[in-house]
Amino acid sequence: KTDAGLYTCDIGTDVAKSKVSVQEKPTEVTKQLEDKTSPAGQDISLSCELSKADMNIRWYKDGKALRRSQKYDLQQEGARATLIIRDSTVKDS
């Protein structure tokens, strides 16, 4: 994206100009979430990887947004996003 701009070719008696636009590729999930099974009471860790680092990630359970709390720890390091479900119960299924 930093290559976008106005480029010119100047030969002294004439000038040619070109406007260059660079569109970024959309972010994609490069490593999908995996299904997990865990005994009640244990922490469960879910993670996925993206094609770009430091993207704004939102986690959902059954369509409802999750927020960082004692129950949920949301972590992001570079292109890897991790959700940790603390002290899992059957309701976390």
C-alpha atoms as a PDB file:
ATOM      1  CA  LYS A   1       0.000   0.000   0.000  1.00  0.00           C
ATOM      2  CA  THR A   2       2.952   2.335   0.569  1.00  0.00           C
ATOM      3  CA  ASP A   3       3.735   2.086  -3.173  1.00  0.00           C
ATOM      4  CA  ALA A   4       0.557   3.987  -4.081  1.00  0.00           C
ATOM      5  CA  GLY A   5       1.047   7.496  -5.443  1.00  0.00           C
ATOM      6  CA  LEU A   6       1.724   9.614  -8.509  1.00  0.00           C
ATOM      7  CA  TYR A   7       4.632   8.411 -10.659  1.00  0.00           C
ATOM      8  CA  THR A   8       6.186  10.525 -13.397  1.00  0.00           C
ATOM      9  CA  CYS A   9       8.641   9.999 -16.220  1.00  0.00           C
ATOM     10  CA  ASP A  10      10.303  13.323 -17.054  1.00  0.00           C
ATOM     11  CA  ILE A  11      12.450  13.660 -20.194  1.00  0.00           C
ATOM     12  CA  GLY A  12      12.879  17.424 -19.924  1.00  0.00           C
ATOM     13  CA  THR A  13      10.629  18.328 -22.881  1.00  0.00           C
ATOM     14  CA  ASP A  14       7.713  16.095 -21.923  1.00  0.00           C
ATOM     15  CA  VAL A  15       6.311  14.350 -18.854  1.00  0.00           C
ATOM     16  CA  ALA A  16       4.282  11.143 -18.561  1.00  0.00           C
ATOM     17  CA  LYS A  17       2.252  10.581 -15.395  1.00  0.00           C
ATOM     18  CA  SER A  18       0.602   7.571 -13.805  1.00  0.00           C
ATOM     19  CA  LYS A  19      -1.493   7.320 -10.664  1.00  0.00           C
ATOM     20  CA  VAL A  20      -0.909   3.965  -8.927  1.00  0.00           C
ATOM     21  CA  SER A  21      -3.406   2.519  -6.441  1.00  0.00           C
ATOM     22  CA  VAL A  22      -2.694  -0.650  -4.477  1.00  0.00           C
ATOM     23  CA  GLN A  23      -5.566  -2.541  -2.889  1.00  0.00           C
ATOM     24  CA  GLU A  24      -4.781  -4.788   0.046  1.00  0.00           C
ATOM     25  CA  LYS A  25      -5.872  -8.391  -0.017  1.00  0.00           C
ATOM     26  CA  PRO A  26      -8.707  -9.145   2.407  1.00  0.00           C
ATOM     27  CA  THR A  27      -7.730 -10.886   5.624  1.00  0.00           C
ATOM     28  CA  GLU A  28      -8.336 -14.629   5.609  1.00  0.00           C
ATOM     29  CA  VAL A  29      -8.299 -17.355   8.225  1.00  0.00           C
ATOM     30  CA  THR A  30      -5.242 -19.477   7.382  1.00  0.00           C
ATOM     31  CA  LYS A  31      -5.665 -21.995  10.229  1.00  0.00           C
ATOM     32  CA  GLN A  32      -9.225 -22.912  11.205  1.00  0.00           C
ATOM     33  CA  LEU A  33     -10.576 -23.569  14.680  1.00  0.00           C
ATOM     34  CA  GLU A  34     -10.542 -27.222  15.713  1.00  0.00           C
ATOM     35  CA  ASP A  35     -13.348 -29.032  17.540  1.00  0.00           C
ATOM     36  CA  LYS A  36     -12.478 -29.759  21.177  1.00  0.00           C
ATOM     37  CA  THR A  37     -13.772 -32.164  23.824  1.00  0.00           C
ATOM     38  CA  SER A  38     -12.808 -31.648  27.446  1.00  0.00           C
ATOM     39  CA  PRO A  39     -13.839 -32.900  30.880  1.00  0.00           C
ATOM     40  CA  ALA A  40     -15.805 -30.362  32.914  1.00  0.00           C
ATOM     41  CA  GLY A  41     -13.658 -28.165  35.106  1.00  0.00           C
ATOM     42  CA  GLN A  42     -10.717 -27.897  32.723  1.00  0.00           C
ATOM     43  CA  ASP A  43      -9.718 -24.867  30.666  1.00  0.00           C
ATOM     44  CA  ILE A  44     -10.302 -25.092  26.924  1.00  0.00           C
ATOM     45  CA  SER A  45      -8.138 -23.231  24.430  1.00  0.00           C
ATOM     46  CA  LEU A  46      -9.330 -22.413  20.904  1.00  0.00           C
ATOM     47  CA  SER A  47      -7.073 -20.679  18.405  1.00  0.00           C
ATOM     48  CA  CYS A  48      -6.995 -19.662  14.775  1.00  0.00           C
ATOM     49  CA  GLU A  49      -4.433 -17.960  12.568  1.00  0.00           C
ATOM     50  CA  LEU A  50      -4.983 -15.136  10.098  1.00  0.00           C
ATOM     51  CA  SER A  51      -3.218 -14.003   6.942  1.00  0.00           C
ATOM     52  CA  LYS A  52      -2.450 -10.635   8.599  1.00  0.00           C
ATOM     53  CA  ALA A  53      -1.193  -9.766  12.058  1.00  0.00           C
ATOM     54  CA  ASP A  54      -2.864  -7.502  14.618  1.00  0.00           C
ATOM     55  CA  MET A  55      -6.370  -7.587  13.161  1.00  0.00           C
ATOM     56  CA  ASN A  56      -9.423  -6.713  15.249  1.00  0.00           C
ATOM     57  CA  ILE A  57     -10.777 -10.105  16.374  1.00  0.00           C
ATOM     58  CA  ARG A  58     -14.230 -10.762  17.860  1.00  0.00           C
ATOM     59  CA  TRP A  59     -15.190 -14.073  19.441  1.00  0.00           C
ATOM     60  CA  TYR A  60     -18.794 -15.339  19.551  1.00  0.00           C
ATOM     61  CA  LYS A  61     -20.630 -18.245  21.156  1.00  0.00           C
ATOM     62  CA  ASP A  62     -23.981 -19.119  19.588  1.00  0.00           C
ATOM     63  CA  GLY A  63     -24.063 -15.676  17.942  1.00  0.00           C
ATOM     64  CA  LYS A  64     -23.443 -13.759  21.175  1.00  0.00           C
ATOM     65  CA  ALA A  65     -20.255 -11.696  21.457  1.00  0.00           C
ATOM     66  CA  LEU A  66     -17.792 -12.795  24.133  1.00  0.00           C
ATOM     67  CA  ARG A  67     -15.857 -10.309  26.246  1.00  0.00           C
ATOM     68  CA  ARG A  68     -12.764 -10.763  28.384  1.00  0.00           C
ATOM     69  CA  SER A  69     -13.845 -11.815  31.882  1.00  0.00           C
ATOM     70  CA  GLN A  70     -13.042 -14.354  34.592  1.00  0.00           C
ATOM     71  CA  LYS A  71     -14.703 -16.928  32.315  1.00  0.00           C
ATOM     72  CA  TYR A  72     -13.112 -15.938  28.990  1.00  0.00           C
ATOM     73  CA  ASP A  73      -9.563 -14.866  28.226  1.00  0.00           C
ATOM     74  CA  LEU A  74      -9.135 -13.383  24.742  1.00  0.00           C
ATOM     75  CA  GLN A  75      -5.553 -13.211  23.523  1.00  0.00           C
ATOM     76  CA  GLN A  76      -3.949 -12.088  20.324  1.00  0.00           C
ATOM     77  CA  GLU A  77      -0.312 -12.333  19.351  1.00  0.00           C
ATOM     78  CA  GLY A  78       0.555 -11.341  15.803  1.00  0.00           C
ATOM     79  CA  ALA A  79      -1.630 -13.341  13.421  1.00  0.00           C
ATOM     80  CA  ARG A  80      -2.754 -15.858  16.089  1.00  0.00           C
ATOM     81  CA  ALA A  81      -5.985 -15.336  18.045  1.00  0.00           C
ATOM     82  CA  THR A  82      -6.738 -17.479  21.109  1.00  0.00           C
ATOM     83  CA  LEU A  83      -9.839 -17.874  23.272  1.00  0.00           C
ATOM     84  CA  ILE A  84      -9.415 -19.596  26.633  1.00  0.00           C
ATOM     85  CA  ILE A  85     -12.575 -20.825  28.332  1.00  0.00           C
ATOM     86  CA  ARG A  86     -11.826 -21.092  32.038  1.00  0.00           C
ATOM     87  CA  ASP A  87     -13.255 -23.852  34.271  1.00  0.00           C
ATOM     88  CA  SER A  88     -15.418 -25.338  31.513  1.00  0.00           C
ATOM     89  CA  THR A  89     -18.934 -26.587  32.190  1.00  0.00           C
ATOM     90  CA  VAL A  90     -21.533 -28.380  30.059  1.00  0.00           C
ATOM     91  CA  LYS A  91     -23.061 -24.925  29.336  1.00  0.00           C
ATOM     92  CA  ASP A  92     -19.886 -24.064  27.410  1.00  0.00           C
ATOM     93  CA  SER A  93     -20.762 -26.681  24.766  1.00  0.00           C
END
